[in-house]
């Protein structure tokens, strides 16, 4: 795909550090923003049933982001069964959801976005 001489030159001049349009991007800021997005506001929660340890962030009462430290099927019985399609048998674990709700009620997981500086 020919992107035109200006864009191609910018991509060559700044490999890995350009924006979509070929202008110089600030790579350290981009990586720092990504790190903040992936880690800020997360709290560790252990399932009261199976002991699975996950990272949880709530940006609202309705939204819950969960990052697993390992494959859920290896630590959580709810994920160990598989459907005929090979997908997990369930979309989530109700016991982990209860543990997360309890952590929210105890104030261990803040609700809402957190700005970083």
C-alpha atoms as a PDB file:
ATOM      1  CA  UNK A   1       0.000   0.000   0.000  1.00  0.00           C
ATOM      2  CA  UNK A   2       1.506   3.307  -1.097  1.00  0.00           C
ATOM      3  CA  UNK A   3       1.105   5.931   1.618  1.00  0.00           C
ATOM      4  CA  UNK A   4       2.694   8.763  -0.333  1.00  0.00           C
ATOM      5  CA  UNK A   5       6.264  10.007  -0.080  1.00  0.00           C
ATOM      6  CA  UNK A   6       5.716  12.312   2.915  1.00  0.00           C
ATOM      7  CA  UNK A   7       4.088   9.667   5.085  1.00  0.00           C
ATOM      8  CA  UNK A   8       6.496   6.931   4.001  1.00  0.00           C
ATOM      9  CA  UNK A   9       9.464   9.185   4.770  1.00  0.00           C
ATOM     10  CA  UNK A  10       8.039  10.019   8.202  1.00  0.00           C
ATOM     11  CA  UNK A  11       7.531   6.335   8.980  1.00  0.00           C
ATOM     12  CA  UNK A  12      11.088   5.539   7.965  1.00  0.00           C
ATOM     13  CA  UNK A  13      12.494   8.548   9.823  1.00  0.00           C
ATOM     14  CA  UNK A  14      10.708   7.651  13.046  1.00  0.00           C
ATOM     15  CA  UNK A  15       9.971   3.906  13.052  1.00  0.00           C
ATOM     16  CA  UNK A  16       7.796   2.903  15.985  1.00  0.00           C
ATOM     17  CA  UNK A  17       7.412   6.523  17.041  1.00  0.00           C
ATOM     18  CA  UNK A  18       4.901   7.874  14.557  1.00  0.00           C
ATOM     19  CA  UNK A  19       1.209   8.491  14.708  1.00  0.00           C
ATOM     20  CA  UNK A  20      -1.245   7.043  12.221  1.00  0.00           C
ATOM     21  CA  UNK A  21      -0.709  10.092   9.993  1.00  0.00           C
ATOM     22  CA  UNK A  22       3.091   9.845  10.023  1.00  0.00           C
ATOM     23  CA  UNK A  23       3.830  12.713  12.387  1.00  0.00           C
ATOM     24  CA  UNK A  24       6.295  12.186  15.210  1.00  0.00           C
ATOM     25  CA  UNK A  25       4.580  10.607  18.199  1.00  0.00           C
ATOM     26  CA  UNK A  26       5.772  10.954  21.764  1.00  0.00           C
ATOM     27  CA  UNK A  27       6.456   7.287  22.415  1.00  0.00           C
ATOM     28  CA  UNK A  28       7.333   7.539  26.151  1.00  0.00           C
ATOM     29  CA  UNK A  29       4.036   9.334  26.846  1.00  0.00           C
ATOM     30  CA  UNK A  30       2.135   6.741  24.849  1.00  0.00           C
ATOM     31  CA  UNK A  31       3.709   3.873  26.787  1.00  0.00           C
ATOM     32  CA  UNK A  32       3.144   5.677  30.084  1.00  0.00           C
ATOM     33  CA  UNK A  33      -0.519   6.270  29.181  1.00  0.00           C
ATOM     34  CA  UNK A  34      -0.906   2.594  28.296  1.00  0.00           C
ATOM     35  CA  UNK A  35       0.669   1.510  31.607  1.00  0.00           C
ATOM     36  CA  UNK A  36      -1.666   3.815  33.526  1.00  0.00           C
ATOM     37  CA  UNK A  37      -4.700   2.534  31.597  1.00  0.00           C
ATOM     38  CA  UNK A  38      -3.771  -1.085  32.289  1.00  0.00           C
ATOM     39  CA  UNK A  39      -2.845  -0.702  35.962  1.00  0.00           C
ATOM     40  CA  UNK A  40      -4.348   2.394  37.599  1.00  0.00           C
ATOM     41  CA  UNK A  41      -7.391   1.909  39.769  1.00  0.00           C
ATOM     42  CA  UNK A  42      -7.052  -1.868  39.999  1.00  0.00           C
ATOM     43  CA  UNK A  43      -7.258  -3.631  43.344  1.00  0.00           C
ATOM     44  CA  UNK A  44      -6.443  -7.236  44.152  1.00  0.00           C
ATOM     45  CA  UNK A  45      -9.431  -9.418  45.040  1.00  0.00           C
ATOM     46  CA  UNK A  46      -9.309 -13.043  46.128  1.00  0.00           C
ATOM     47  CA  UNK A  47     -12.332 -15.229  45.463  1.00  0.00           C
ATOM     48  CA  UNK A  48     -13.837 -16.375  48.739  1.00  0.00           C
ATOM     49  CA  UNK A  49     -14.648 -19.759  47.197  1.00  0.00           C
ATOM     50  CA  UNK A  50     -11.704 -20.989  45.109  1.00  0.00           C
ATOM     51  CA  UNK A  51      -9.025 -18.488  46.122  1.00  0.00           C
ATOM     52  CA  UNK A  52      -8.399 -17.164  42.591  1.00  0.00           C
ATOM     53  CA  UNK A  53      -6.579 -13.845  42.788  1.00  0.00           C
ATOM     54  CA  UNK A  54      -7.656 -11.222  40.228  1.00  0.00           C
ATOM     55  CA  UNK A  55      -7.192  -7.509  39.684  1.00  0.00           C
ATOM     56  CA  UNK A  56     -10.430  -5.515  39.618  1.00  0.00           C
ATOM     57  CA  UNK A  57     -11.323  -1.963  38.593  1.00  0.00           C
ATOM     58  CA  UNK A  58     -14.761  -0.370  38.644  1.00  0.00           C
ATOM     59  CA  UNK A  59     -15.261   2.781  36.578  1.00  0.00           C
ATOM     60  CA  UNK A  60     -18.980   2.802  37.470  1.00  0.00           C
ATOM     61  CA  UNK A  61     -21.420   0.709  39.486  1.00  0.00           C
ATOM     62  CA  UNK A  62     -22.385  -1.181  36.323  1.00  0.00           C
ATOM     63  CA  UNK A  63     -18.905  -1.731  34.830  1.00  0.00           C
ATOM     64  CA  UNK A  64     -16.320  -4.125  36.266  1.00  0.00           C
ATOM     65  CA  UNK A  65     -12.955  -4.846  34.636  1.00  0.00           C
ATOM     66  CA  UNK A  66     -11.219  -8.045  35.738  1.00  0.00           C
ATOM     67  CA  UNK A  67      -7.647  -9.034  34.918  1.00  0.00           C
ATOM     68  CA  UNK A  68      -6.761 -12.631  35.684  1.00  0.00           C
ATOM     69  CA  UNK A  69      -3.206 -13.503  36.731  1.00  0.00           C
ATOM     70  CA  UNK A  70      -3.570 -16.945  35.163  1.00  0.00           C
ATOM     71  CA  UNK A  71      -5.964 -18.893  32.959  1.00  0.00           C
ATOM     72  CA  UNK A  72      -9.327 -18.904  34.776  1.00  0.00           C
ATOM     73  CA  UNK A  73      -9.904 -22.551  33.811  1.00  0.00           C
ATOM     74  CA  UNK A  74      -6.874 -23.584  35.875  1.00  0.00           C
ATOM     75  CA  UNK A  75      -8.008 -21.912  39.104  1.00  0.00           C
ATOM     76  CA  UNK A  76     -11.779 -21.422  39.025  1.00  0.00           C
ATOM     77  CA  UNK A  77     -14.206 -24.372  38.936  1.00  0.00           C
ATOM     78  CA  UNK A  78     -16.834 -22.233  37.163  1.00  0.00           C
ATOM     79  CA  UNK A  79     -14.525 -21.882  34.153  1.00  0.00           C
ATOM     80  CA  UNK A  80     -13.321 -25.486  34.060  1.00  0.00           C
ATOM     81  CA  UNK A  81     -16.243 -26.848  32.068  1.00  0.00           C
ATOM     82  CA  UNK A  82     -16.272 -26.281  28.324  1.00  0.00           C
ATOM     83  CA  UNK A  83     -19.187 -26.005  25.945  1.00  0.00           C
ATOM     84  CA  UNK A  84     -19.273 -27.971  22.682  1.00  0.00           C
ATOM     85  CA  UNK A  85     -17.751 -24.981  20.889  1.00  0.00           C
ATOM     86  CA  UNK A  86     -14.696 -25.090  23.150  1.00  0.00           C
ATOM     87  CA  UNK A  87     -15.569 -21.831  24.855  1.00  0.00           C
ATOM     88  CA  UNK A  88     -15.831 -21.528  28.640  1.00  0.00           C
ATOM     89  CA  UNK A  89     -19.115 -22.907  29.953  1.00  0.00           C
ATOM     90  CA  UNK A  90     -19.940 -19.604  31.620  1.00  0.00           C
ATOM     91  CA  UNK A  91     -19.380 -15.893  31.070  1.00  0.00           C
ATOM     92  CA  UNK A  92     -18.336 -15.339  34.666  1.00  0.00           C
ATOM     93  CA  UNK A  93     -18.193 -16.815  38.113  1.00  0.00           C
ATOM     94  CA  UNK A  94     -21.006 -15.878  40.505  1.00  0.00           C
ATOM     95  CA  UNK A  95     -18.813 -16.598  43.548  1.00  0.00           C
ATOM     96  CA  UNK A  96     -16.087 -14.247  42.281  1.00  0.00           C
ATOM     97  CA  UNK A  97     -18.786 -11.648  41.574  1.00  0.00           C
ATOM     98  CA  UNK A  98     -19.915 -11.977  45.208  1.00  0.00           C
ATOM     99  CA  UNK A  99     -16.329 -11.501  46.417  1.00  0.00           C
ATOM    100  CA  UNK A 100     -15.971  -8.396  44.245  1.00  0.00           C
ATOM    101  CA  UNK A 101     -19.283  -6.991  45.529  1.00  0.00           C
ATOM    102  CA  UNK A 102     -18.147  -7.559  49.112  1.00  0.00           C
ATOM    103  CA  UNK A 103     -14.837  -5.786  48.406  1.00  0.00           C
ATOM    104  CA  UNK A 104     -16.721  -2.831  46.901  1.00  0.00           C
ATOM    105  CA  UNK A 105     -19.019  -2.623  49.966  1.00  0.00           C
ATOM    106  CA  UNK A 106     -15.955  -2.640  52.236  1.00  0.00           C
ATOM    107  CA  UNK A 107     -14.420   0.216  50.236  1.00  0.00           C
ATOM    108  CA  UNK A 108     -11.517  -1.913  48.983  1.00  0.00           C
ATOM    109  CA  UNK A 109     -12.402  -1.175  45.347  1.00  0.00           C
ATOM    110  CA  UNK A 110     -13.128   2.465  44.549  1.00  0.00           C
ATOM    111  CA  UNK A 111     -15.868   3.198  42.033  1.00  0.00           C
ATOM    112  CA  UNK A 112     -15.133   5.799  39.376  1.00  0.00           C
ATOM    113  CA  UNK A 113     -12.298   6.793  37.131  1.00  0.00           C
ATOM    114  CA  UNK A 114      -9.037   7.974  38.581  1.00  0.00           C
ATOM    115  CA  UNK A 115      -6.954  10.563  36.766  1.00  0.00           C
ATOM    116  CA  UNK A 116      -3.218  10.162  36.644  1.00  0.00           C
ATOM    117  CA  UNK A 117      -0.587  12.847  36.453  1.00  0.00           C
END
